[in-house]
Amino acid sequence: MEEDRLAELVIGAAIEVHRTIGPGLLESTYQLCLARGLEIRGIPFAREVLIALAYKGISVDRAFRLDFLVADRLIVELKAVSRLDENHKAQLLTYLRWSGKRLGLLINFNERLLKDGVRRVIN
C-alpha cells in the first residue's frame, strides 16, 4: 500500500479516537487507542520502534524511538501539546532521514478539531 493511502487510513483512525475520547489526555492514552484503531482496521504497524544511528565510527543503538511505524513505510508521531511547533517538525524530519522513510505524520491530539493538529512531513 502506498504512503498516501496509509496516511489517509491513519488519519481516519486518529479522527475516530479524537471524536470518541476528546482532547486533553496523555499522549500514551492516544497511542494505545490509536493502536487499537489500527488493529481493528487491519493496518499493520509497530509501536515504539527503536532506530539506531552512526556517528564517526560509533553506533548509537537506541538513538530515538518512533511512536508508530505503519506498514514499514509511514512514521507517525503523536503529541498532546498546546500547539505544534517547528521543533516537533524537525524531530520528525530527523526520524525520516535516519530511518530512510519518505513520509511522516505529526498528530497533535490536544486540538479542538483534530484536523488542525495533523501535519504531513515529507523527507
PDB file of N, CA and C in Angstrom:
ATOM      1  N   MET A   1       0.852  -1.173   0.000  1.00  0.00           N
ATOM      2  CA  MET A   1       0.000   0.000   0.000  1.00  0.00           C
ATOM      3  C   MET A   1       0.901   1.241   0.000  1.00  0.00           C
ATOM      4  N   GLU A   2       0.539   2.240  -0.766  1.00  0.00           N
ATOM      5  CA  GLU A   2       1.363   3.447  -0.860  1.00  0.00           C
ATOM      6  C   GLU A   2       1.208   4.327   0.382  1.00  0.00           C
ATOM      7  N   GLU A   3       2.216   5.186   0.602  1.00  0.00           N
ATOM      8  CA  GLU A   3       2.245   6.015   1.805  1.00  0.00           C
ATOM      9  C   GLU A   3       1.032   6.941   1.930  1.00  0.00           C
ATOM     10  N   ASP A   4       0.609   7.533   0.811  1.00  0.00           N
ATOM     11  CA  ASP A   4      -0.514   8.473   0.877  1.00  0.00           C
ATOM     12  C   ASP A   4      -1.794   7.785   1.342  1.00  0.00           C
ATOM     13  N   ARG A   5      -2.038   6.580   0.851  1.00  0.00           N
ATOM     14  CA  ARG A   5      -3.229   5.825   1.268  1.00  0.00           C
ATOM     15  C   ARG A   5      -3.112   5.431   2.731  1.00  0.00           C
ATOM     16  N   LEU A   6      -1.927   4.996   3.145  1.00  0.00           N
ATOM     17  CA  LEU A   6      -1.706   4.678   4.557  1.00  0.00           C
ATOM     18  C   LEU A   6      -1.976   5.894   5.436  1.00  0.00           C
ATOM     19  N   ALA A   7      -1.484   7.055   4.997  1.00  0.00           N
ATOM     20  CA  ALA A   7      -1.685   8.288   5.763  1.00  0.00           C
ATOM     21  C   ALA A   7      -3.181   8.588   5.919  1.00  0.00           C
ATOM     22  N   GLU A   8      -3.946   8.421   4.858  1.00  0.00           N
ATOM     23  CA  GLU A   8      -5.401   8.642   4.928  1.00  0.00           C
ATOM     24  C   GLU A   8      -6.043   7.715   5.959  1.00  0.00           C
ATOM     25  N   LEU A   9      -5.659   6.450   5.930  1.00  0.00           N
ATOM     26  CA  LEU A   9      -6.235   5.479   6.859  1.00  0.00           C
ATOM     27  C   LEU A   9      -5.866   5.791   8.309  1.00  0.00           C
ATOM     28  N   VAL A  10      -4.616   6.178   8.533  1.00  0.00           N
ATOM     29  CA  VAL A  10      -4.171   6.517   9.894  1.00  0.00           C
ATOM     30  C   VAL A  10      -4.897   7.772  10.383  1.00  0.00           C
ATOM     31  N   ILE A  11      -5.026   8.768   9.529  1.00  0.00           N
ATOM     32  CA  ILE A  11      -5.734   9.996   9.924  1.00  0.00           C
ATOM     33  C   ILE A  11      -7.184   9.670  10.260  1.00  0.00           C
ATOM     34  N   GLY A  12      -7.809   8.817   9.474  1.00  0.00           N
ATOM     35  CA  GLY A  12      -9.185   8.411   9.772  1.00  0.00           C
ATOM     36  C   GLY A  12      -9.304   7.744  11.127  1.00  0.00           C
ATOM     37  N   ALA A  13      -8.361   6.852  11.441  1.00  0.00           N
ATOM     38  CA  ALA A  13      -8.367   6.190  12.745  1.00  0.00           C
ATOM     39  C   ALA A  13      -8.135   7.201  13.864  1.00  0.00           C
ATOM     40  N   ALA A  14      -7.224   8.150  13.643  1.00  0.00           N
ATOM     41  CA  ALA A  14      -6.936   9.177  14.660  1.00  0.00           C
ATOM     42  C   ALA A  14      -8.153  10.069  14.896  1.00  0.00           C
ATOM     43  N   ILE A  15      -8.856  10.420  13.841  1.00  0.00           N
ATOM     44  CA  ILE A  15     -10.062  11.240  13.980  1.00  0.00           C
ATOM     45  C   ILE A  15     -11.106  10.502  14.815  1.00  0.00           C
ATOM     46  N   GLU A  16     -11.250   9.208  14.566  1.00  0.00           N
ATOM     47  CA  GLU A  16     -12.212   8.435  15.359  1.00  0.00           C
ATOM     48  C   GLU A  16     -11.826   8.406  16.836  1.00  0.00           C
ATOM     49  N   VAL A  17     -10.538   8.224  17.120  1.00  0.00           N
ATOM     50  CA  VAL A  17     -10.071   8.253  18.510  1.00  0.00           C
ATOM     51  C   VAL A  17     -10.399   9.603  19.134  1.00  0.00           C
ATOM     52  N   HIS A  18     -10.070  10.674  18.428  1.00  0.00           N
ATOM     53  CA  HIS A  18     -10.280  12.028  18.952  1.00  0.00           C
ATOM     54  C   HIS A  18     -11.760  12.312  19.186  1.00  0.00           C
ATOM     55  N   ARG A  19     -12.598  11.912  18.250  1.00  0.00           N
ATOM     56  CA  ARG A  19     -14.049  12.124  18.409  1.00  0.00           C
ATOM     57  C   ARG A  19     -14.597  11.360  19.610  1.00  0.00           C
ATOM     58  N   THR A  20     -14.030  10.199  19.871  1.00  0.00           N
ATOM     59  CA  THR A  20     -14.538   9.351  20.951  1.00  0.00           C
ATOM     60  C   THR A  20     -14.049   9.800  22.322  1.00  0.00           C
ATOM     61  N   ILE A  21     -12.756  10.091  22.451  1.00  0.00           N
ATOM     62  CA  ILE A  21     -12.236  10.396  23.793  1.00  0.00           C
ATOM     63  C   ILE A  21     -11.887  11.863  24.003  1.00  0.00           C
ATOM     64  N   GLY A  22     -11.778  12.652  22.915  1.00  0.00           N
ATOM     65  CA  GLY A  22     -11.557  14.087  23.039  1.00  0.00           C
ATOM     66  C   GLY A  22     -10.127  14.486  23.349  1.00  0.00           C
ATOM     67  N   PRO A  23      -9.883  15.793  23.388  1.00  0.00           N
ATOM     68  CA  PRO A  23      -8.547  16.320  23.690  1.00  0.00           C
ATOM     69  C   PRO A  23      -8.278  16.349  25.196  1.00  0.00           C
ATOM     70  N   GLY A  24      -7.011  16.623  25.551  1.00  0.00           N
ATOM     71  CA  GLY A  24      -6.669  16.887  26.943  1.00  0.00           C
ATOM     72  C   GLY A  24      -6.141  15.705  27.730  1.00  0.00           C
ATOM     73  N   LEU A  25      -5.905  14.568  27.067  1.00  0.00           N
ATOM     74  CA  LEU A  25      -5.402  13.390  27.768  1.00  0.00           C
ATOM     75  C   LEU A  25      -3.907  13.213  27.508  1.00  0.00           C
ATOM     76  N   LEU A  26      -3.327  12.218  28.137  1.00  0.00           N
ATOM     77  CA  LEU A  26      -1.908  11.941  27.960  1.00  0.00           C
ATOM     78  C   LEU A  26      -1.640  11.339  26.583  1.00  0.00           C
ATOM     79  N   GLU A  27      -0.466  11.633  26.052  1.00  0.00           N
ATOM     80  CA  GLU A  27      -0.060  11.075  24.759  1.00  0.00           C
ATOM     81  C   GLU A  27      -0.135   9.551  24.769  1.00  0.00           C
ATOM     82  N   SER A  28       0.259   8.933  25.877  1.00  0.00           N
ATOM     83  CA  SER A  28       0.240   7.471  25.965  1.00  0.00           C
ATOM     84  C   SER A  28      -1.170   6.902  25.798  1.00  0.00           C
ATOM     85  N   THR A  29      -2.171   7.631  26.255  1.00  0.00           N
ATOM     86  CA  THR A  29      -3.557   7.195  26.079  1.00  0.00           C
ATOM     87  C   THR A  29      -3.923   7.183  24.606  1.00  0.00           C
ATOM     88  N   TYR A  30      -3.574   8.255  23.909  1.00  0.00           N
ATOM     89  CA  TYR A  30      -3.865   8.318  22.474  1.00  0.00           C
ATOM     90  C   TYR A  30      -3.100   7.239  21.717  1.00  0.00           C
ATOM     91  N   GLN A  31      -1.889   6.948  22.147  1.00  0.00           N
ATOM     92  CA  GLN A  31      -1.096   5.926  21.481  1.00  0.00           C
ATOM     93  C   GLN A  31      -1.775   4.559  21.583  1.00  0.00           C
ATOM     94  N   LEU A  32      -2.239   4.217  22.766  1.00  0.00           N
ATOM     95  CA  LEU A  32      -2.928   2.931  22.948  1.00  0.00           C
ATOM     96  C   LEU A  32      -4.218   2.867  22.134  1.00  0.00           C
ATOM     97  N   CYS A  33      -4.985   3.944  22.159  1.00  0.00           N
ATOM     98  CA  CYS A  33      -6.262   3.963  21.442  1.00  0.00           C
ATOM     99  C   CYS A  33      -6.048   3.936  19.927  1.00  0.00           C
ATOM    100  N   LEU A  34      -5.052   4.669  19.435  1.00  0.00           N
ATOM    101  CA  LEU A  34      -4.780   4.641  18.002  1.00  0.00           C
ATOM    102  C   LEU A  34      -4.303   3.252  17.591  1.00  0.00           C
ATOM    103  N   ALA A  35      -3.489   2.614  18.409  1.00  0.00           N
ATOM    104  CA  ALA A  35      -3.046   1.254  18.106  1.00  0.00           C
ATOM    105  C   ALA A  35      -4.249   0.328  17.957  1.00  0.00           C
ATOM    106  N   ARG A  36      -5.208   0.458  18.843  1.00  0.00           N
ATOM    107  CA  ARG A  36      -6.411  -0.378  18.750  1.00  0.00           C
ATOM    108  C   ARG A  36      -7.183  -0.075  17.467  1.00  0.00           C
ATOM    109  N   GLY A  37      -7.299   1.200  17.126  1.00  0.00           N
ATOM    110  CA  GLY A  37      -7.986   1.576  15.892  1.00  0.00           C
ATOM    111  C   GLY A  37      -7.308   1.010  14.655  1.00  0.00           C
ATOM    112  N   LEU A  38      -5.991   1.011  14.640  1.00  0.00           N
ATOM    113  CA  LEU A  38      -5.252   0.442  13.508  1.00  0.00           C
ATOM    114  C   LEU A  38      -5.433  -1.074  13.452  1.00  0.00           C
ATOM    115  N   GLU A  39      -5.410  -1.718  14.614  1.00  0.00           N
ATOM    116  CA  GLU A  39      -5.640  -3.169  14.667  1.00  0.00           C
ATOM    117  C   GLU A  39      -7.000  -3.531  14.083  1.00  0.00           C
ATOM    118  N   ILE A  40      -8.024  -2.825  14.519  1.00  0.00           N
ATOM    119  CA  ILE A  40      -9.391  -3.089  14.053  1.00  0.00           C
ATOM    120  C   ILE A  40      -9.483  -2.939  12.539  1.00  0.00           C
ATOM    121  N   ARG A  41      -8.765  -1.973  11.991  1.00  0.00           N
ATOM    122  CA  ARG A  41      -8.789  -1.724  10.547  1.00  0.00           C
ATOM    123  C   ARG A  41      -7.861  -2.651   9.759  1.00  0.00           C
ATOM    124  N   GLY A  42      -7.111  -3.481  10.462  1.00  0.00           N
ATOM    125  CA  GLY A  42      -6.211  -4.413   9.790  1.00  0.00           C
ATOM    126  C   GLY A  42      -4.996  -3.740   9.175  1.00  0.00           C
ATOM    127  N   ILE A  43      -4.595  -2.600   9.726  1.00  0.00           N
ATOM    128  CA  ILE A  43      -3.443  -1.857   9.220  1.00  0.00           C
ATOM    129  C   ILE A  43      -2.204  -2.328   9.994  1.00  0.00           C
ATOM    130  N   PRO A  44      -1.209  -2.855   9.298  1.00  0.00           N
ATOM    131  CA  PRO A  44      -0.021  -3.343  10.008  1.00  0.00           C
ATOM    132  C   PRO A  44       0.814  -2.190  10.563  1.00  0.00           C
ATOM    133  N   PHE A  45       1.308  -2.368  11.785  1.00  0.00           N
ATOM    134  CA  PHE A  45       2.112  -1.320  12.409  1.00  0.00           C
ATOM    135  C   PHE A  45       2.979  -1.922  13.505  1.00  0.00           C
ATOM    136  N   ALA A  46       3.983  -1.162  13.880  1.00  0.00           N
ATOM    137  CA  ALA A  46       4.800  -1.470  15.051  1.00  0.00           C
ATOM    138  C   ALA A  46       4.836  -0.211  15.902  1.00  0.00           C
ATOM    139  N   ARG A  47       4.829  -0.400  17.220  1.00  0.00           N
ATOM    140  CA  ARG A  47       4.882   0.731  18.154  1.00  0.00           C
ATOM    141  C   ARG A  47       6.242   0.819  18.802  1.00  0.00           C
ATOM    142  N   GLU A  48       6.639   2.050  19.108  1.00  0.00           N
ATOM    143  CA  GLU A  48       7.873   2.341  19.829  1.00  0.00           C
ATOM    144  C   GLU A  48       9.073   1.618  19.212  1.00  0.00           C
ATOM    145  N   VAL A  49       9.256   1.862  17.933  1.00  0.00           N
ATOM    146  CA  VAL A  49      10.332   1.242  17.162  1.00  0.00           C
ATOM    147  C   VAL A  49      11.641   1.989  17.422  1.00  0.00           C
ATOM    148  N   LEU A  50      12.647   1.270  17.873  1.00  0.00           N
ATOM    149  CA  LEU A  50      13.950   1.879  18.146  1.00  0.00           C
ATOM    150  C   LEU A  50      14.756   1.978  16.857  1.00  0.00           C
ATOM    151  N   ILE A  51      15.386   3.117  16.655  1.00  0.00           N
ATOM    152  CA  ILE A  51      16.204   3.361  15.465  1.00  0.00           C
ATOM    153  C   ILE A  51      17.613   3.723  15.921  1.00  0.00           C
ATOM    154  N   ALA A  52      18.589   3.131  15.252  1.00  0.00           N
ATOM    155  CA  ALA A  52      19.997   3.402  15.545  1.00  0.00           C
ATOM    156  C   ALA A  52      20.529   4.444  14.572  1.00  0.00           C
ATOM    157  N   LEU A  53      21.635   5.058  14.944  1.00  0.00           N
ATOM    158  CA  LEU A  53      22.346   5.935  14.016  1.00  0.00           C
ATOM    159  C   LEU A  53      23.837   5.746  14.235  1.00  0.00           C
ATOM    160  N   ALA A  54      24.586   6.106  13.217  1.00  0.00           N
ATOM    161  CA  ALA A  54      26.040   6.003  13.289  1.00  0.00           C
ATOM    162  C   ALA A  54      26.631   7.405  13.293  1.00  0.00           C
ATOM    163  N   TYR A  55      27.653   7.579  14.122  1.00  0.00           N
ATOM    164  CA  TYR A  55      28.326   8.874  14.206  1.00  0.00           C
ATOM    165  C   TYR A  55      29.818   8.649  14.360  1.00  0.00           C
ATOM    166  N   LYS A  56      30.569   9.015  13.319  1.00  0.00           N
ATOM    167  CA  LYS A  56      32.030   8.973  13.355  1.00  0.00           C
ATOM    168  C   LYS A  56      32.579   7.676  13.944  1.00  0.00           C
ATOM    169  N   GLY A  57      32.088   6.577  13.411  1.00  0.00           N
ATOM    170  CA  GLY A  57      32.621   5.285  13.791  1.00  0.00           C
ATOM    171  C   GLY A  57      31.964   4.619  14.991  1.00  0.00           C
ATOM    172  N   ILE A  58      30.997   5.276  15.614  1.00  0.00           N
ATOM    173  CA  ILE A  58      30.283   4.612  16.711  1.00  0.00           C
ATOM    174  C   ILE A  58      28.828   4.419  16.300  1.00  0.00           C
ATOM    175  N   SER A  59      28.211   3.432  16.919  1.00  0.00           N
ATOM    176  CA  SER A  59      26.792   3.189  16.682  1.00  0.00           C
ATOM    177  C   SER A  59      26.016   3.525  17.945  1.00  0.00           C
ATOM    178  N   VAL A  60      24.993   4.330  17.779  1.00  0.00           N
ATOM    179  CA  VAL A  60      24.091   4.653  18.882  1.00  0.00           C
ATOM    180  C   VAL A  60      22.841   3.807  18.637  1.00  0.00           C
ATOM    181  N   ASP A  61      22.757   2.676  19.322  1.00  0.00           N
ATOM    182  CA  ASP A  61      21.721   1.690  19.032  1.00  0.00           C
ATOM    183  C   ASP A  61      20.302   2.187  19.289  1.00  0.00           C
ATOM    184  N   ARG A  62      20.113   2.964  20.305  1.00  0.00           N
ATOM    185  CA  ARG A  62      18.773   3.442  20.670  1.00  0.00           C
ATOM    186  C   ARG A  62      18.729   4.960  20.581  1.00  0.00           C
ATOM    187  N   ALA A  63      19.037   5.472  19.401  1.00  0.00           N
ATOM    188  CA  ALA A  63      19.134   6.920  19.225  1.00  0.00           C
ATOM    189  C   ALA A  63      17.773   7.600  19.389  1.00  0.00           C
ATOM    190  N   PHE A  64      16.734   6.956  18.877  1.00  0.00           N
ATOM    191  CA  PHE A  64      15.390   7.501  19.031  1.00  0.00           C
ATOM    192  C   PHE A  64      14.359   6.419  18.854  1.00  0.00           C
ATOM    193  N   ARG A  65      13.128   6.764  19.212  1.00  0.00           N
ATOM    194  CA  ARG A  65      12.029   5.808  19.204  1.00  0.00           C
ATOM    195  C   ARG A  65      10.842   6.398  18.453  1.00  0.00           C
ATOM    196  N   LEU A  66      10.399   5.672  17.430  1.00  0.00           N
ATOM    197  CA  LEU A  66       9.222   6.091  16.668  1.00  0.00           C
ATOM    198  C   LEU A  66       7.964   5.680  17.432  1.00  0.00           C
ATOM    199  N   ASP A  67       6.977   6.559  17.503  1.00  0.00           N
ATOM    200  CA  ASP A  67       5.716   6.165  18.130  1.00  0.00           C
ATOM    201  C   ASP A  67       5.088   5.023  17.342  1.00  0.00           C
ATOM    202  N   PHE A  68       4.984   5.204  16.025  1.00  0.00           N
ATOM    203  CA  PHE A  68       4.438   4.166  15.145  1.00  0.00           C
ATOM    204  C   PHE A  68       5.236   4.106  13.849  1.00  0.00           C
ATOM    205  N   LEU A  69       5.429   2.907  13.362  1.00  0.00           N
ATOM    206  CA  LEU A  69       5.892   2.682  12.005  1.00  0.00           C
ATOM    207  C   LEU A  69       4.798   1.846  11.352  1.00  0.00           C
ATOM    208  N   VAL A  70       4.102   2.438  10.400  1.00  0.00           N
ATOM    209  CA  VAL A  70       2.938   1.807   9.789  1.00  0.00           C
ATOM    210  C   VAL A  70       3.354   1.155   8.475  1.00  0.00           C
ATOM    211  N   ALA A  71       3.090  -0.139   8.379  1.00  0.00           N
ATOM    212  CA  ALA A  71       3.375  -0.926   7.173  1.00  0.00           C
ATOM    213  C   ALA A  71       4.826  -0.754   6.715  1.00  0.00           C
ATOM    214  N   ASP A  72       5.712  -0.516   7.648  1.00  0.00           N
ATOM    215  CA  ASP A  72       7.144  -0.321   7.369  1.00  0.00           C
ATOM    216  C   ASP A  72       7.405   0.810   6.373  1.00  0.00           C
ATOM    217  N   ARG A  73       6.440   1.753   6.260  1.00  0.00           N
ATOM    218  CA  ARG A  73       6.579   2.830   5.267  1.00  0.00           C
ATOM    219  C   ARG A  73       6.292   4.220   5.806  1.00  0.00           C
ATOM    220  N   LEU A  74       5.438   4.328   6.806  1.00  0.00           N
ATOM    221  CA  LEU A  74       4.945   5.619   7.281  1.00  0.00           C
ATOM    222  C   LEU A  74       5.253   5.778   8.765  1.00  0.00           C
ATOM    223  N   ILE A  75       5.920   6.877   9.121  1.00  0.00           N
ATOM    224  CA  ILE A  75       6.186   7.180  10.530  1.00  0.00           C
ATOM    225  C   ILE A  75       5.064   8.066  11.050  1.00  0.00           C
ATOM    226  N   VAL A  76       4.554   7.718  12.229  1.00  0.00           N
ATOM    227  CA  VAL A  76       3.507   8.522  12.870  1.00  0.00           C
ATOM    228  C   VAL A  76       3.994   8.903  14.258  1.00  0.00           C
ATOM    229  N   GLU A  77       4.080  10.204  14.494  1.00  0.00           N
ATOM    230  CA  GLU A  77       4.479  10.734  15.796  1.00  0.00           C
ATOM    231  C   GLU A  77       3.279  11.427  16.428  1.00  0.00           C
ATOM    232  N   LEU A  78       2.972  11.045  17.646  1.00  0.00           N
ATOM    233  CA  LEU A  78       1.834  11.622  18.353  1.00  0.00           C
ATOM    234  C   LEU A  78       2.308  12.651  19.365  1.00  0.00           C
ATOM    235  N   LYS A  79       1.490  13.668  19.527  1.00  0.00           N
ATOM    236  CA  LYS A  79       1.729  14.700  20.538  1.00  0.00           C
ATOM    237  C   LYS A  79       0.408  15.005  21.236  1.00  0.00           C
ATOM    238  N   ALA A  80       0.515  15.546  22.434  1.00  0.00           N
ATOM    239  CA  ALA A  80      -0.637  16.065  23.171  1.00  0.00           C
ATOM    240  C   ALA A  80      -0.159  17.359  23.828  1.00  0.00           C
ATOM    241  N   VAL A  81       0.061  18.360  22.981  1.00  0.00           N
ATOM    242  CA  VAL A  81       0.636  19.634  23.407  1.00  0.00           C
ATOM    243  C   VAL A  81      -0.301  20.784  23.038  1.00  0.00           C
ATOM    244  N   SER A  82      -0.052  21.955  23.617  1.00  0.00           N
ATOM    245  CA  SER A  82      -0.932  23.096  23.340  1.00  0.00           C
ATOM    246  C   SER A  82      -0.886  23.506  21.873  1.00  0.00           C
ATOM    247  N   ARG A  83       0.296  23.365  21.254  1.00  0.00           N
ATOM    248  CA  ARG A  83       0.384  23.605  19.810  1.00  0.00           C
ATOM    249  C   ARG A  83       1.662  22.983  19.278  1.00  0.00           C
ATOM    250  N   LEU A  84       1.612  22.561  18.021  1.00  0.00           N
ATOM    251  CA  LEU A  84       2.798  22.034  17.370  1.00  0.00           C
ATOM    252  C   LEU A  84       3.721  23.185  17.019  1.00  0.00           C
ATOM    253  N   ASP A  85       5.024  22.960  17.105  1.00  0.00           N
ATOM    254  CA  ASP A  85       5.964  23.998  16.697  1.00  0.00           C
ATOM    255  C   ASP A  85       7.025  23.398  15.775  1.00  0.00           C
ATOM    256  N   GLU A  86       7.965  24.207  15.359  1.00  0.00           N
ATOM    257  CA  GLU A  86       8.987  23.769  14.413  1.00  0.00           C
ATOM    258  C   GLU A  86       9.890  22.675  14.984  1.00  0.00           C
ATOM    259  N   ASN A  87      10.050  22.625  16.296  1.00  0.00           N
ATOM    260  CA  ASN A  87      10.863  21.569  16.902  1.00  0.00           C
ATOM    261  C   ASN A  87      10.240  20.196  16.691  1.00  0.00           C
ATOM    262  N   HIS A  88       8.913  20.128  16.755  1.00  0.00           N
ATOM    263  CA  HIS A  88       8.225  18.857  16.514  1.00  0.00           C
ATOM    264  C   HIS A  88       8.438  18.400  15.072  1.00  0.00           C
ATOM    265  N   LYS A  89       8.345  19.339  14.148  1.00  0.00           N
ATOM    266  CA  LYS A  89       8.565  19.016  12.739  1.00  0.00           C
ATOM    267  C   LYS A  89      10.020  18.592  12.509  1.00  0.00           C
ATOM    268  N   ALA A  90      10.960  19.304  13.120  1.00  0.00           N
ATOM    269  CA  ALA A  90      12.379  18.967  12.976  1.00  0.00           C
ATOM    270  C   ALA A  90      12.656  17.567  13.514  1.00  0.00           C
ATOM    271  N   GLN A  91      12.034  17.221  14.618  1.00  0.00           N
ATOM    272  CA  GLN A  91      12.188  15.887  15.200  1.00  0.00           C
ATOM    273  C   GLN A  91      11.728  14.829  14.195  1.00  0.00           C
ATOM    274  N   LEU A  92      10.561  15.021  13.606  1.00  0.00           N
ATOM    275  CA  LEU A  92      10.042  14.051  12.645  1.00  0.00           C
ATOM    276  C   LEU A  92      10.915  13.989  11.389  1.00  0.00           C
ATOM    277  N   LEU A  93      11.402  15.131  10.926  1.00  0.00           N
ATOM    278  CA  LEU A  93      12.311  15.127   9.770  1.00  0.00           C
ATOM    279  C   LEU A  93      13.574  14.322  10.062  1.00  0.00           C
ATOM    280  N   THR A  94      14.106  14.448  11.260  1.00  0.00           N
ATOM    281  CA  THR A  94      15.283  13.673  11.658  1.00  0.00           C
ATOM    282  C   THR A  94      14.949  12.188  11.662  1.00  0.00           C
ATOM    283  N   TYR A  95      13.793  11.824  12.196  1.00  0.00           N
ATOM    284  CA  TYR A  95      13.367  10.429  12.206  1.00  0.00           C
ATOM    285  C   TYR A  95      13.251   9.894  10.786  1.00  0.00           C
ATOM    286  N   LEU A  96      12.670  10.678   9.891  1.00  0.00           N
ATOM    287  CA  LEU A  96      12.530  10.252   8.498  1.00  0.00           C
ATOM    288  C   LEU A  96      13.896  10.026   7.864  1.00  0.00           C
ATOM    289  N   ARG A  97      14.791  10.978   8.066  1.00  0.00           N
ATOM    290  CA  ARG A  97      16.115  10.882   7.456  1.00  0.00           C
ATOM    291  C   ARG A  97      16.866   9.646   7.937  1.00  0.00           C
ATOM    292  N   TRP A  98      16.918   9.420   9.253  1.00  0.00           N
ATOM    293  CA  TRP A  98      17.698   8.314   9.789  1.00  0.00           C
ATOM    294  C   TRP A  98      17.041   6.959   9.586  1.00  0.00           C
ATOM    295  N   SER A  99      15.747   6.928   9.395  1.00  0.00           N
ATOM    296  CA  SER A  99      15.069   5.646   9.164  1.00  0.00           C
ATOM    297  C   SER A  99      14.964   5.318   7.678  1.00  0.00           C
ATOM    298  N   GLY A 100      15.232   6.311   6.817  1.00  0.00           N
ATOM    299  CA  GLY A 100      15.137   6.087   5.381  1.00  0.00           C
ATOM    300  C   GLY A 100      13.711   6.097   4.856  1.00  0.00           C
ATOM    301  N   LYS A 101      12.792   6.632   5.633  1.00  0.00           N
ATOM    302  CA  LYS A 101      11.384   6.702   5.202  1.00  0.00           C
ATOM    303  C   LYS A 101      11.123   8.050   4.556  1.00  0.00           C
ATOM    304  N   ARG A 102      10.080   8.116   3.730  1.00  0.00           N
ATOM    305  CA  ARG A 102       9.766   9.321   2.968  1.00  0.00           C
ATOM    306  C   ARG A 102       8.694  10.197   3.614  1.00  0.00           C
ATOM    307  N   LEU A 103       7.683   9.584   4.227  1.00  0.00           N
ATOM    308  CA  LEU A 103       6.528  10.338   4.711  1.00  0.00           C
ATOM    309  C   LEU A 103       6.283  10.080   6.184  1.00  0.00           C
ATOM    310  N   GLY A 104       5.954  11.159   6.888  1.00  0.00           N
ATOM    311  CA  GLY A 104       5.586  11.048   8.292  1.00  0.00           C
ATOM    312  C   GLY A 104       4.365  11.881   8.586  1.00  0.00           C
ATOM    313  N   LEU A 105       3.651  11.487   9.629  1.00  0.00           N
ATOM    314  CA  LEU A 105       2.516  12.260  10.128  1.00  0.00           C
ATOM    315  C   LEU A 105       2.835  12.702  11.547  1.00  0.00           C
ATOM    316  N   LEU A 106       2.582  13.957  11.810  1.00  0.00           N
ATOM    317  CA  LEU A 106       2.685  14.517  13.142  1.00  0.00           C
ATOM    318  C   LEU A 106       1.251  14.820  13.559  1.00  0.00           C
ATOM    319  N   ILE A 107       0.777  14.167  14.613  1.00  0.00           N
ATOM    320  CA  ILE A 107      -0.621  14.303  15.023  1.00  0.00           C
ATOM    321  C   ILE A 107      -0.675  14.809  16.456  1.00  0.00           C
ATOM    322  N   ASN A 108      -1.265  15.986  16.639  1.00  0.00           N
ATOM    323  CA  ASN A 108      -1.441  16.577  17.962  1.00  0.00           C
ATOM    324  C   ASN A 108      -2.891  16.396  18.387  1.00  0.00           C
ATOM    325  N   PHE A 109      -3.110  15.545  19.372  1.00  0.00           N
ATOM    326  CA  PHE A 109      -4.467  15.263  19.836  1.00  0.00           C
ATOM    327  C   PHE A 109      -5.029  16.353  20.743  1.00  0.00           C
ATOM    328  N   ASN A 110      -4.232  17.326  21.123  1.00  0.00           N
ATOM    329  CA  ASN A 110      -4.713  18.370  22.029  1.00  0.00           C
ATOM    330  C   ASN A 110      -5.261  19.566  21.244  1.00  0.00           C
ATOM    331  N   GLU A 111      -6.089  19.288  20.269  1.00  0.00           N
ATOM    332  CA  GLU A 111      -6.764  20.313  19.459  1.00  0.00           C
ATOM    333  C   GLU A 111      -8.262  20.090  19.563  1.00  0.00           C
ATOM    334  N   ARG A 112      -9.002  21.171  19.454  1.00  0.00           N
ATOM    335  CA  ARG A 112     -10.464  21.047  19.473  1.00  0.00           C
ATOM    336  C   ARG A 112     -10.936  20.227  18.277  1.00  0.00           C
ATOM    337  N   LEU A 113     -10.386  20.523  17.103  1.00  0.00           N
ATOM    338  CA  LEU A 113     -10.636  19.748  15.888  1.00  0.00           C
ATOM    339  C   LEU A 113      -9.323  19.086  15.493  1.00  0.00           C
ATOM    340  N   LEU A 114      -9.318  17.774  15.393  1.00  0.00           N
ATOM    341  CA  LEU A 114      -8.072  17.075  15.121  1.00  0.00           C
ATOM    342  C   LEU A 114      -7.443  17.494  13.801  1.00  0.00           C
ATOM    343  N   LYS A 115      -8.258  17.838  12.819  1.00  0.00           N
ATOM    344  CA  LYS A 115      -7.697  18.237  11.513  1.00  0.00           C
ATOM    345  C   LYS A 115      -6.732  19.407  11.657  1.00  0.00           C
ATOM    346  N   ASP A 116      -6.901  20.224  12.678  1.00  0.00           N
ATOM    347  CA  ASP A 116      -5.989  21.348  12.922  1.00  0.00           C
ATOM    348  C   ASP A 116      -4.659  20.893  13.530  1.00  0.00           C
ATOM    349  N   GLY A 117      -4.597  19.646  13.969  1.00  0.00           N
ATOM    350  CA  GLY A 117      -3.393  19.135  14.614  1.00  0.00           C
ATOM    351  C   GLY A 117      -2.647  18.100  13.788  1.00  0.00           C
ATOM    352  N   VAL A 118      -2.997  17.959  12.519  1.00  0.00           N
ATOM    353  CA  VAL A 118      -2.344  16.967  11.655  1.00  0.00           C
ATOM    354  C   VAL A 118      -1.419  17.662  10.672  1.00  0.00           C
ATOM    355  N   ARG A 119      -0.154  17.221  10.646  1.00  0.00           N
ATOM    356  CA  ARG A 119       0.833  17.744   9.697  1.00  0.00           C
ATOM    357  C   ARG A 119       1.474  16.593   8.958  1.00  0.00           C
ATOM    358  N   ARG A 120       1.507  16.693   7.639  1.00  0.00           N
ATOM    359  CA  ARG A 120       2.244  15.735   6.810  1.00  0.00           C
ATOM    360  C   ARG A 120       3.644  16.292   6.645  1.00  0.00           C
ATOM    361  N   VAL A 121       4.641  15.444   6.827  1.00  0.00           N
ATOM    362  CA  VAL A 121       6.031  15.858   6.701  1.00  0.00           C
ATOM    363  C   VAL A 121       6.700  14.900   5.705  1.00  0.00           C
ATOM    364  N   ILE A 122       7.326  15.480   4.681  1.00  0.00           N
ATOM    365  CA  ILE A 122       7.972  14.684   3.639  1.00  0.00           C
ATOM    366  C   ILE A 122       9.470  14.921   3.694  1.00  0.00           C
ATOM    367  N   ASN A 123      10.209  13.827   3.610  1.00  0.00           N
ATOM    368  CA  ASN A 123      11.675  13.889   3.620  1.00  0.00           C
ATOM    369  C   ASN A 123      12.180  14.052   2.194  1.00  0.00           C
TER     370      ASN A 123
END
